[in-house]
Amino acid sequence: MDKDALVKLLSPLAARTDLPDDAKTVVSKAIAEAVSPLQYDLWIYRTVVVVLGITIIATVFGGIYLALKADPNIKLPDGIIAIGSAAVGALAGLLAPSPKGQ
């Protein structure tokens, strides 16, 4: 049973008034643990997107700056290219819609 099915199954129990308080607490805790933080806390998602965006911008402009202002014999460090590429890939993975129901 996946987490979504578990939440759908337990949600009516959490709303019932005839259950003892300790049972309601256990059901509510199980629902809270089954739900991912990204489903109820959008600030985590937004913060990650902003940080990755800043990283991309900083690496692009930093690379351009180093390419224009540095000694012509110095090559752009591979670490800067790797950090920028990883940030672009992570941002694309976060912003791309995920396939649902598969």
PDB file of N, CA and C in Angstrom:
ATOM      1  N   MET A   1       0.854  -1.182   0.000  1.00  0.00           N
ATOM      2  CA  MET A   1       0.000   0.000   0.000  1.00  0.00           C
ATOM      3  C   MET A   1       0.891   1.233   0.000  1.00  0.00           C
ATOM      4  N   ASP A   2       0.633   2.158  -0.918  1.00  0.00           N
ATOM      5  CA  ASP A   2       1.446   3.366  -0.972  1.00  0.00           C
ATOM      6  C   ASP A   2       0.958   4.394   0.049  1.00  0.00           C
ATOM      7  N   LYS A   3       1.731   5.452   0.185  1.00  0.00           N
ATOM      8  CA  LYS A   3       1.441   6.460   1.213  1.00  0.00           C
ATOM      9  C   LYS A   3       0.147   7.209   0.950  1.00  0.00           C
ATOM     10  N   ASP A   4      -0.140   7.492  -0.310  1.00  0.00           N
ATOM     11  CA  ASP A   4      -1.374   8.213  -0.629  1.00  0.00           C
ATOM     12  C   ASP A   4      -2.602   7.398  -0.241  1.00  0.00           C
ATOM     13  N   ALA A   5      -2.568   6.110  -0.514  1.00  0.00           N
ATOM     14  CA  ALA A   5      -3.689   5.248  -0.146  1.00  0.00           C
ATOM     15  C   ALA A   5      -3.829   5.162   1.371  1.00  0.00           C
ATOM     16  N   LEU A   6      -2.706   5.140   2.075  1.00  0.00           N
ATOM     17  CA  LEU A   6      -2.742   5.102   3.530  1.00  0.00           C
ATOM     18  C   LEU A   6      -3.352   6.378   4.103  1.00  0.00           C
ATOM     19  N   VAL A   7      -2.977   7.512   3.553  1.00  0.00           N
ATOM     20  CA  VAL A   7      -3.530   8.788   4.029  1.00  0.00           C
ATOM     21  C   VAL A   7      -5.022   8.851   3.753  1.00  0.00           C
ATOM     22  N   LYS A   8      -5.454   8.411   2.562  1.00  0.00           N
ATOM     23  CA  LYS A   8      -6.887   8.400   2.236  1.00  0.00           C
ATOM     24  C   LYS A   8      -7.657   7.470   3.163  1.00  0.00           C
ATOM     25  N   LEU A   9      -7.030   6.378   3.550  1.00  0.00           N
ATOM     26  CA  LEU A   9      -7.690   5.411   4.419  1.00  0.00           C
ATOM     27  C   LEU A   9      -7.805   5.917   5.855  1.00  0.00           C
ATOM     28  N   LEU A  10      -6.773   6.601   6.327  1.00  0.00           N
ATOM     29  CA  LEU A  10      -6.763   7.038   7.720  1.00  0.00           C
ATOM     30  C   LEU A  10      -7.395   8.404   7.951  1.00  0.00           C
ATOM     31  N   SER A  11      -7.529   9.223   6.942  1.00  0.00           N
ATOM     32  CA  SER A  11      -8.072  10.576   7.119  1.00  0.00           C
ATOM     33  C   SER A  11      -9.473  10.605   7.712  1.00  0.00           C
ATOM     34  N   PRO A  12     -10.407   9.745   7.290  1.00  0.00           N
ATOM     35  CA  PRO A  12     -11.727   9.771   7.933  1.00  0.00           C
ATOM     36  C   PRO A  12     -11.673   9.403   9.419  1.00  0.00           C
ATOM     37  N   LEU A  13     -10.730   8.554   9.798  1.00  0.00           N
ATOM     38  CA  LEU A  13     -10.619   8.187  11.214  1.00  0.00           C
ATOM     39  C   LEU A  13     -10.174   9.364  12.070  1.00  0.00           C
ATOM     40  N   ALA A  14      -9.314  10.200  11.536  1.00  0.00           N
ATOM     41  CA  ALA A  14      -8.820  11.338  12.304  1.00  0.00           C
ATOM     42  C   ALA A  14      -9.914  12.360  12.548  1.00  0.00           C
ATOM     43  N   ALA A  15     -10.918  12.407  11.691  1.00  0.00           N
ATOM     44  CA  ALA A  15     -11.993  13.389  11.829  1.00  0.00           C
ATOM     45  C   ALA A  15     -13.140  12.893  12.712  1.00  0.00           C
ATOM     46  N   ARG A  16     -13.156  11.644  13.062  1.00  0.00           N
ATOM     47  CA  ARG A  16     -14.264  11.098  13.865  1.00  0.00           C
ATOM     48  C   ARG A  16     -14.204  11.595  15.298  1.00  0.00           C
ATOM     49  N   THR A  17     -15.363  11.795  15.868  1.00  0.00           N
ATOM     50  CA  THR A  17     -15.440  12.292  17.249  1.00  0.00           C
ATOM     51  C   THR A  17     -15.660  11.176  18.260  1.00  0.00           C
ATOM     52  N   ASP A  18     -16.034   9.994  17.795  1.00  0.00           N
ATOM     53  CA  ASP A  18     -16.330   8.910  18.735  1.00  0.00           C
ATOM     54  C   ASP A  18     -15.099   8.070  19.081  1.00  0.00           C
ATOM     55  N   LEU A  19     -13.941   8.388  18.530  1.00  0.00           N
ATOM     56  CA  LEU A  19     -12.713   7.656  18.859  1.00  0.00           C
ATOM     57  C   LEU A  19     -12.091   8.220  20.130  1.00  0.00           C
ATOM     58  N   PRO A  20     -11.448   7.383  20.914  1.00  0.00           N
ATOM     59  CA  PRO A  20     -10.712   7.898  22.082  1.00  0.00           C
ATOM     60  C   PRO A  20      -9.571   8.816  21.646  1.00  0.00           C
ATOM     61  N   ASP A  21      -9.198   9.707  22.531  1.00  0.00           N
ATOM     62  CA  ASP A  21      -8.167  10.685  22.200  1.00  0.00           C
ATOM     63  C   ASP A  21      -6.832  10.035  21.862  1.00  0.00           C
ATOM     64  N   ASP A  22      -6.481   8.968  22.583  1.00  0.00           N
ATOM     65  CA  ASP A  22      -5.197   8.335  22.299  1.00  0.00           C
ATOM     66  C   ASP A  22      -5.187   7.680  20.917  1.00  0.00           C
ATOM     67  N   ALA A  23      -6.305   7.118  20.488  1.00  0.00           N
ATOM     68  CA  ALA A  23      -6.391   6.525  19.146  1.00  0.00           C
ATOM     69  C   ALA A  23      -6.325   7.622  18.078  1.00  0.00           C
ATOM     70  N   LYS A  24      -6.991   8.751  18.338  1.00  0.00           N
ATOM     71  CA  LYS A  24      -6.935   9.871  17.397  1.00  0.00           C
ATOM     72  C   LYS A  24      -5.514  10.386  17.257  1.00  0.00           C
ATOM     73  N   THR A  25      -4.793  10.429  18.364  1.00  0.00           N
ATOM     74  CA  THR A  25      -3.412  10.904  18.350  1.00  0.00           C
ATOM     75  C   THR A  25      -2.538   9.979  17.505  1.00  0.00           C
ATOM     76  N   VAL A  26      -2.720   8.684  17.664  1.00  0.00           N
ATOM     77  CA  VAL A  26      -1.931   7.718  16.900  1.00  0.00           C
ATOM     78  C   VAL A  26      -2.246   7.825  15.407  1.00  0.00           C
ATOM     79  N   VAL A  27      -3.513   7.961  15.062  1.00  0.00           N
ATOM     80  CA  VAL A  27      -3.904   8.072  13.660  1.00  0.00           C
ATOM     81  C   VAL A  27      -3.368   9.367  13.062  1.00  0.00           C
ATOM     82  N   SER A  28      -3.491  10.469  13.793  1.00  0.00           N
ATOM     83  CA  SER A  28      -2.988  11.754  13.294  1.00  0.00           C
ATOM     84  C   SER A  28      -1.479  11.729  13.105  1.00  0.00           C
ATOM     85  N   LYS A  29      -0.785  11.069  14.016  1.00  0.00           N
ATOM     86  CA  LYS A  29       0.670  10.961  13.900  1.00  0.00           C
ATOM     87  C   LYS A  29       1.057  10.115  12.690  1.00  0.00           C
ATOM     88  N   ALA A  30       0.325   9.046  12.438  1.00  0.00           N
ATOM     89  CA  ALA A  30       0.599   8.195  11.277  1.00  0.00           C
ATOM     90  C   ALA A  30       0.369   8.962   9.972  1.00  0.00           C
ATOM     91  N   ILE A  31      -0.668   9.781   9.934  1.00  0.00           N
ATOM     92  CA  ILE A  31      -0.932  10.589   8.743  1.00  0.00           C
ATOM     93  C   ILE A  31       0.179  11.606   8.542  1.00  0.00           C
ATOM     94  N   ALA A  32       0.604  12.256   9.622  1.00  0.00           N
ATOM     95  CA  ALA A  32       1.652  13.270   9.526  1.00  0.00           C
ATOM     96  C   ALA A  32       2.970  12.666   9.061  1.00  0.00           C
ATOM     97  N   GLU A  33       3.278  11.455   9.494  1.00  0.00           N
ATOM     98  CA  GLU A  33       4.520  10.809   9.085  1.00  0.00           C
ATOM     99  C   GLU A  33       4.457  10.309   7.643  1.00  0.00           C
ATOM    100  N   ALA A  34       3.262   9.985   7.157  1.00  0.00           N
ATOM    101  CA  ALA A  34       3.119   9.464   5.800  1.00  0.00           C
ATOM    102  C   ALA A  34       3.193  10.569   4.754  1.00  0.00           C
ATOM    103  N   VAL A  35       2.875  11.788   5.148  1.00  0.00           N
ATOM    104  CA  VAL A  35       2.866  12.901   4.210  1.00  0.00           C
ATOM    105  C   VAL A  35       4.269  13.489   4.117  1.00  0.00           C
ATOM    106  N   SER A  36       4.739  13.698   2.906  1.00  0.00           N
ATOM    107  CA  SER A  36       6.063  14.270   2.670  1.00  0.00           C
ATOM    108  C   SER A  36       6.060  15.756   3.032  1.00  0.00           C
ATOM    109  N   PRO A  37       7.164  16.282   3.557  1.00  0.00           N
ATOM    110  CA  PRO A  37       7.210  17.717   3.867  1.00  0.00           C
ATOM    111  C   PRO A  37       6.989  18.605   2.643  1.00  0.00           C
ATOM    112  N   LEU A  38       7.329  18.137   1.460  1.00  0.00           N
ATOM    113  CA  LEU A  38       7.108  18.939   0.262  1.00  0.00           C
ATOM    114  C   LEU A  38       5.630  19.099  -0.056  1.00  0.00           C
ATOM    115  N   GLN A  39       4.784  18.228   0.482  1.00  0.00           N
ATOM    116  CA  GLN A  39       3.359  18.324   0.214  1.00  0.00           C
ATOM    117  C   GLN A  39       2.677  19.383   1.077  1.00  0.00           C
ATOM    118  N   TYR A  40       3.253  19.726   2.216  1.00  0.00           N
ATOM    119  CA  TYR A  40       2.604  20.722   3.068  1.00  0.00           C
ATOM    120  C   TYR A  40       3.483  21.922   3.382  1.00  0.00           C
ATOM    121  N   ASP A  41       4.757  21.883   3.078  1.00  0.00           N
ATOM    122  CA  ASP A  41       5.643  23.007   3.365  1.00  0.00           C
ATOM    123  C   ASP A  41       6.300  23.468   2.071  1.00  0.00           C
ATOM    124  N   LEU A  42       5.691  24.450   1.420  1.00  0.00           N
ATOM    125  CA  LEU A  42       6.206  24.921   0.137  1.00  0.00           C
ATOM    126  C   LEU A  42       7.460  25.761   0.286  1.00  0.00           C
ATOM    127  N   TRP A  43       7.761  26.248   1.484  1.00  0.00           N
ATOM    128  CA  TRP A  43       8.960  27.072   1.666  1.00  0.00           C
ATOM    129  C   TRP A  43      10.230  26.271   1.470  1.00  0.00           C
ATOM    130  N   ILE A  44      10.211  24.988   1.775  1.00  0.00           N
ATOM    131  CA  ILE A  44      11.378  24.136   1.524  1.00  0.00           C
ATOM    132  C   ILE A  44      11.646  24.104   0.021  1.00  0.00           C
ATOM    133  N   TYR A  45      10.608  23.860  -0.740  1.00  0.00           N
ATOM    134  CA  TYR A  45      10.725  23.778  -2.200  1.00  0.00           C
ATOM    135  C   TYR A  45      11.193  25.108  -2.769  1.00  0.00           C
ATOM    136  N   ARG A  46      10.591  26.189  -2.335  1.00  0.00           N
ATOM    137  CA  ARG A  46      10.961  27.513  -2.842  1.00  0.00           C
ATOM    138  C   ARG A  46      12.400  27.864  -2.490  1.00  0.00           C
ATOM    139  N   THR A  47      12.815  27.537  -1.284  1.00  0.00           N
ATOM    140  CA  THR A  47      14.185  27.832  -0.866  1.00  0.00           C
ATOM    141  C   THR A  47      15.191  27.071  -1.723  1.00  0.00           C
ATOM    142  N   VAL A  48      14.920  25.811  -1.983  1.00  0.00           N
ATOM    143  CA  VAL A  48      15.825  25.004  -2.804  1.00  0.00           C
ATOM    144  C   VAL A  48      15.892  25.563  -4.219  1.00  0.00           C
ATOM    145  N   VAL A  49      14.754  25.950  -4.784  1.00  0.00           N
ATOM    146  CA  VAL A  49      14.737  26.507  -6.139  1.00  0.00           C
ATOM    147  C   VAL A  49      15.520  27.814  -6.190  1.00  0.00           C
ATOM    148  N   VAL A  50      15.344  28.674  -5.186  1.00  0.00           N
ATOM    149  CA  VAL A  50      16.058  29.960  -5.160  1.00  0.00           C
ATOM    150  C   VAL A  50      17.563  29.737  -5.034  1.00  0.00           C
ATOM    151  N   VAL A  51      17.972  28.848  -4.145  1.00  0.00           N
ATOM    152  CA  VAL A  51      19.407  28.588  -3.957  1.00  0.00           C
ATOM    153  C   VAL A  51      20.018  28.007  -5.233  1.00  0.00           C
ATOM    154  N   LEU A  52      19.328  27.082  -5.868  1.00  0.00           N
ATOM    155  CA  LEU A  52      19.851  26.521  -7.126  1.00  0.00           C
ATOM    156  C   LEU A  52      19.906  27.590  -8.218  1.00  0.00           C
ATOM    157  N   GLY A  53      18.910  28.455  -8.277  1.00  0.00           N
ATOM    158  CA  GLY A  53      18.925  29.542  -9.259  1.00  0.00           C
ATOM    159  C   GLY A  53      20.081  30.498  -9.036  1.00  0.00           C
ATOM    160  N   ILE A  54      20.326  30.850  -7.779  1.00  0.00           N
ATOM    161  CA  ILE A  54      21.458  31.734  -7.453  1.00  0.00           C
ATOM    162  C   ILE A  54      22.777  31.056  -7.814  1.00  0.00           C
ATOM    163  N   THR A  55      22.858  29.759  -7.559  1.00  0.00           N
ATOM    164  CA  THR A  55      24.075  29.013  -7.902  1.00  0.00           C
ATOM    165  C   THR A  55      24.324  29.035  -9.410  1.00  0.00           C
ATOM    166  N   ILE A  56      23.264  28.838 -10.180  1.00  0.00           N
ATOM    167  CA  ILE A  56      23.401  28.861 -11.643  1.00  0.00           C
ATOM    168  C   ILE A  56      23.859  30.233 -12.112  1.00  0.00           C
ATOM    169  N   ILE A  57      23.202  31.267 -11.620  1.00  0.00           N
ATOM    170  CA  ILE A  57      23.563  32.626 -12.033  1.00  0.00           C
ATOM    171  C   ILE A  57      24.998  32.959 -11.631  1.00  0.00           C
ATOM    172  N   ALA A  58      25.378  32.584 -10.411  1.00  0.00           N
ATOM    173  CA  ALA A  58      26.733  32.883  -9.941  1.00  0.00           C
ATOM    174  C   ALA A  58      27.785  32.145 -10.760  1.00  0.00           C
ATOM    175  N   THR A  59      27.524  30.901 -11.107  1.00  0.00           N
ATOM    176  CA  THR A  59      28.526  30.165 -11.890  1.00  0.00           C
ATOM    177  C   THR A  59      28.615  30.689 -13.317  1.00  0.00           C
ATOM    178  N   VAL A  60      27.478  31.062 -13.897  1.00  0.00           N
ATOM    179  CA  VAL A  60      27.516  31.590 -15.265  1.00  0.00           C
ATOM    180  C   VAL A  60      28.271  32.917 -15.296  1.00  0.00           C
ATOM    181  N   PHE A  61      27.875  33.854 -14.426  1.00  0.00           N
ATOM    182  CA  PHE A  61      28.545  35.147 -14.427  1.00  0.00           C
ATOM    183  C   PHE A  61      29.987  35.050 -13.928  1.00  0.00           C
ATOM    184  N   GLY A  62      30.235  34.166 -12.980  1.00  0.00           N
ATOM    185  CA  GLY A  62      31.608  33.949 -12.524  1.00  0.00           C
ATOM    186  C   GLY A  62      32.481  33.369 -13.613  1.00  0.00           C
ATOM    187  N   GLY A  63      31.932  32.441 -14.377  1.00  0.00           N
ATOM    188  CA  GLY A  63      32.679  31.872 -15.501  1.00  0.00           C
ATOM    189  C   GLY A  63      32.958  32.894 -16.577  1.00  0.00           C
ATOM    190  N   ILE A  64      31.954  33.727 -16.876  1.00  0.00           N
ATOM    191  CA  ILE A  64      32.160  34.787 -17.869  1.00  0.00           C
ATOM    192  C   ILE A  64      33.213  35.773 -17.382  1.00  0.00           C
ATOM    193  N   TYR A  65      33.133  36.149 -16.118  1.00  0.00           N
ATOM    194  CA  TYR A  65      34.107  37.082 -15.550  1.00  0.00           C
ATOM    195  C   TYR A  65      35.514  36.508 -15.628  1.00  0.00           C
ATOM    196  N   LEU A  66      35.660  35.247 -15.223  1.00  0.00           N
ATOM    197  CA  LEU A  66      36.981  34.622 -15.276  1.00  0.00           C
ATOM    198  C   LEU A  66      37.484  34.491 -16.717  1.00  0.00           C
ATOM    199  N   ALA A  67      36.583  34.221 -17.638  1.00  0.00           N
ATOM    200  CA  ALA A  67      36.994  34.085 -19.030  1.00  0.00           C
ATOM    201  C   ALA A  67      37.440  35.420 -19.629  1.00  0.00           C
ATOM    202  N   LEU A  68      36.802  36.499 -19.204  1.00  0.00           N
ATOM    203  CA  LEU A  68      37.133  37.801 -19.781  1.00  0.00           C
ATOM    204  C   LEU A  68      38.286  38.500 -19.060  1.00  0.00           C
ATOM    205  N   LYS A  69      38.350  38.382 -17.750  1.00  0.00           N
ATOM    206  CA  LYS A  69      39.319  39.139 -16.967  1.00  0.00           C
ATOM    207  C   LYS A  69      40.590  38.367 -16.621  1.00  0.00           C
ATOM    208  N   ALA A  70      40.539  37.088 -16.697  1.00  0.00           N
ATOM    209  CA  ALA A  70      41.702  36.291 -16.285  1.00  0.00           C
ATOM    210  C   ALA A  70      42.747  36.262 -17.398  1.00  0.00           C
ATOM    211  N   ASP A  71      43.886  35.746 -17.033  1.00  0.00           N
ATOM    212  CA  ASP A  71      44.984  35.572 -17.985  1.00  0.00           C
ATOM    213  C   ASP A  71      44.514  34.646 -19.111  1.00  0.00           C
ATOM    214  N   PRO A  72      44.761  34.971 -20.359  1.00  0.00           N
ATOM    215  CA  PRO A  72      44.288  34.130 -21.472  1.00  0.00           C
ATOM    216  C   PRO A  72      44.828  32.702 -21.431  1.00  0.00           C
ATOM    217  N   ASN A  73      45.916  32.482 -20.738  1.00  0.00           N
ATOM    218  CA  ASN A  73      46.485  31.131 -20.664  1.00  0.00           C
ATOM    219  C   ASN A  73      45.789  30.268 -19.615  1.00  0.00           C
ATOM    220  N   ILE A  74      44.977  30.879 -18.748  1.00  0.00           N
ATOM    221  CA  ILE A  74      44.302  30.129 -17.684  1.00  0.00           C
ATOM    222  C   ILE A  74      42.959  29.627 -18.207  1.00  0.00           C
ATOM    223  N   LYS A  75      42.721  28.336 -18.022  1.00  0.00           N
ATOM    224  CA  LYS A  75      41.482  27.714 -18.466  1.00  0.00           C
ATOM    225  C   LYS A  75      40.440  27.818 -17.345  1.00  0.00           C
ATOM    226  N   LEU A  76      39.181  27.893 -17.705  1.00  0.00           N
ATOM    227  CA  LEU A  76      38.080  27.936 -16.731  1.00  0.00           C
ATOM    228  C   LEU A  76      38.111  26.641 -15.912  1.00  0.00           C
ATOM    229  N   PRO A  77      38.095  26.749 -14.577  1.00  0.00           N
ATOM    230  CA  PRO A  77      38.177  25.540 -13.751  1.00  0.00           C
ATOM    231  C   PRO A  77      37.012  24.583 -13.998  1.00  0.00           C
ATOM    232  N   ASP A  78      37.331  23.302 -14.019  1.00  0.00           N
ATOM    233  CA  ASP A  78      36.303  22.279 -14.253  1.00  0.00           C
ATOM    234  C   ASP A  78      35.286  22.230 -13.115  1.00  0.00           C
ATOM    235  N   GLY A  79      35.698  22.621 -11.923  1.00  0.00           N
ATOM    236  CA  GLY A  79      34.777  22.620 -10.783  1.00  0.00           C
ATOM    237  C   GLY A  79      33.625  23.583 -10.971  1.00  0.00           C
ATOM    238  N   ILE A  80      33.902  24.732 -11.572  1.00  0.00           N
ATOM    239  CA  ILE A  80      32.841  25.710 -11.817  1.00  0.00           C
ATOM    240  C   ILE A  80      31.848  25.162 -12.828  1.00  0.00           C
ATOM    241  N   ILE A  81      32.353  24.527 -13.849  1.00  0.00           N
ATOM    242  CA  ILE A  81      31.473  23.927 -14.858  1.00  0.00           C
ATOM    243  C   ILE A  81      30.641  22.804 -14.234  1.00  0.00           C
ATOM    244  N   ALA A  82      31.257  22.001 -13.386  1.00  0.00           N
ATOM    245  CA  ALA A  82      30.543  20.893 -12.742  1.00  0.00           C
ATOM    246  C   ALA A  82      29.459  21.403 -11.795  1.00  0.00           C
ATOM    247  N   ILE A  83      29.758  22.436 -11.017  1.00  0.00           N
ATOM    248  CA  ILE A  83      28.765  22.984 -10.086  1.00  0.00           C
ATOM    249  C   ILE A  83      27.588  23.573 -10.858  1.00  0.00           C
ATOM    250  N   GLY A  84      27.870  24.327 -11.908  1.00  0.00           N
ATOM    251  CA  GLY A  84      26.792  24.897 -12.717  1.00  0.00           C
ATOM    252  C   GLY A  84      25.950  23.831 -13.388  1.00  0.00           C
ATOM    253  N   SER A  85      26.580  22.812 -13.917  1.00  0.00           N
ATOM    254  CA  SER A  85      25.838  21.729 -14.577  1.00  0.00           C
ATOM    255  C   SER A  85      24.973  20.965 -13.587  1.00  0.00           C
ATOM    256  N   ALA A  86      25.498  20.701 -12.409  1.00  0.00           N
ATOM    257  CA  ALA A  86      24.721  19.988 -11.395  1.00  0.00           C
ATOM    258  C   ALA A  86      23.531  20.827 -10.935  1.00  0.00           C
ATOM    259  N   ALA A  87      23.724  22.127 -10.785  1.00  0.00           N
ATOM    260  CA  ALA A  87      22.628  23.001 -10.361  1.00  0.00           C
ATOM    261  C   ALA A  87      21.544  23.067 -11.430  1.00  0.00           C
ATOM    262  N   VAL A  88      21.938  23.135 -12.699  1.00  0.00           N
ATOM    263  CA  VAL A  88      20.947  23.152 -13.787  1.00  0.00           C
ATOM    264  C   VAL A  88      20.162  21.844 -13.809  1.00  0.00           C
ATOM    265  N   GLY A  89      20.846  20.726 -13.652  1.00  0.00           N
ATOM    266  CA  GLY A  89      20.167  19.430 -13.640  1.00  0.00           C
ATOM    267  C   GLY A  89      19.221  19.278 -12.466  1.00  0.00           C
ATOM    268  N   ALA A  90      19.652  19.734 -11.293  1.00  0.00           N
ATOM    269  CA  ALA A  90      18.794  19.649 -10.105  1.00  0.00           C
ATOM    270  C   ALA A  90      17.568  20.540 -10.260  1.00  0.00           C
ATOM    271  N   LEU A  91      17.757  21.731 -10.780  1.00  0.00           N
ATOM    272  CA  LEU A  91      16.630  22.644 -10.973  1.00  0.00           C
ATOM    273  C   LEU A  91      15.651  22.094 -12.009  1.00  0.00           C
ATOM    274  N   ALA A  92      16.170  21.508 -13.072  1.00  0.00           N
ATOM    275  CA  ALA A  92      15.288  20.901 -14.074  1.00  0.00           C
ATOM    276  C   ALA A  92      14.512  19.731 -13.471  1.00  0.00           C
ATOM    277  N   GLY A  93      15.166  18.956 -12.624  1.00  0.00           N
ATOM    278  CA  GLY A  93      14.468  17.842 -11.975  1.00  0.00           C
ATOM    279  C   GLY A  93      13.378  18.298 -11.021  1.00  0.00           C
ATOM    280  N   LEU A  94      13.598  19.429 -10.360  1.00  0.00           N
ATOM    281  CA  LEU A  94      12.577  19.938  -9.447  1.00  0.00           C
ATOM    282  C   LEU A  94      11.415  20.587 -10.178  1.00  0.00           C
ATOM    283  N   LEU A  95      11.686  21.263 -11.283  1.00  0.00           N
ATOM    284  CA  LEU A  95      10.632  21.998 -11.977  1.00  0.00           C
ATOM    285  C   LEU A  95       9.885  21.175 -13.006  1.00  0.00           C
ATOM    286  N   ALA A  96      10.450  20.073 -13.443  1.00  0.00           N
ATOM    287  CA  ALA A  96       9.770  19.220 -14.418  1.00  0.00           C
ATOM    288  C   ALA A  96       8.603  18.509 -13.732  1.00  0.00           C
ATOM    289  N   PRO A  97       7.473  18.403 -14.400  1.00  0.00           N
ATOM    290  CA  PRO A  97       6.344  17.704 -13.774  1.00  0.00           C
ATOM    291  C   PRO A  97       6.635  16.217 -13.655  1.00  0.00           C
ATOM    292  N   SER A  98       6.286  15.661 -12.516  1.00  0.00           N
ATOM    293  CA  SER A  98       6.518  14.240 -12.313  1.00  0.00           C
ATOM    294  C   SER A  98       5.330  13.441 -12.853  1.00  0.00           C
ATOM    295  N   PRO A  99       5.595  12.268 -13.394  1.00  0.00           N
ATOM    296  CA  PRO A  99       4.472  11.458 -13.891  1.00  0.00           C
ATOM    297  C   PRO A  99       3.669  10.901 -12.722  1.00  0.00           C
ATOM    298  N   LYS A 100       2.388  11.173 -12.725  1.00  0.00           N
ATOM    299  CA  LYS A 100       1.537  10.727 -11.621  1.00  0.00           C
ATOM    300  C   LYS A 100       0.739   9.512 -12.076  1.00  0.00           C
ATOM    301  N   GLY A 101       0.549   8.609 -11.144  1.00  0.00           N
ATOM    302  CA  GLY A 101      -0.254   7.429 -11.430  1.00  0.00           C
ATOM    303  C   GLY A 101       0.466   6.329 -12.171  1.00  0.00           C
ATOM    304  N   GLN A 102       1.796   6.408 -12.214  1.00  0.00           N
ATOM    305  CA  GLN A 102       2.534   5.342 -12.901  1.00  0.00           C
ATOM    306  C   GLN A 102       3.337   4.558 -11.907  1.00  0.00           C
TER     307      GLN A 102
END
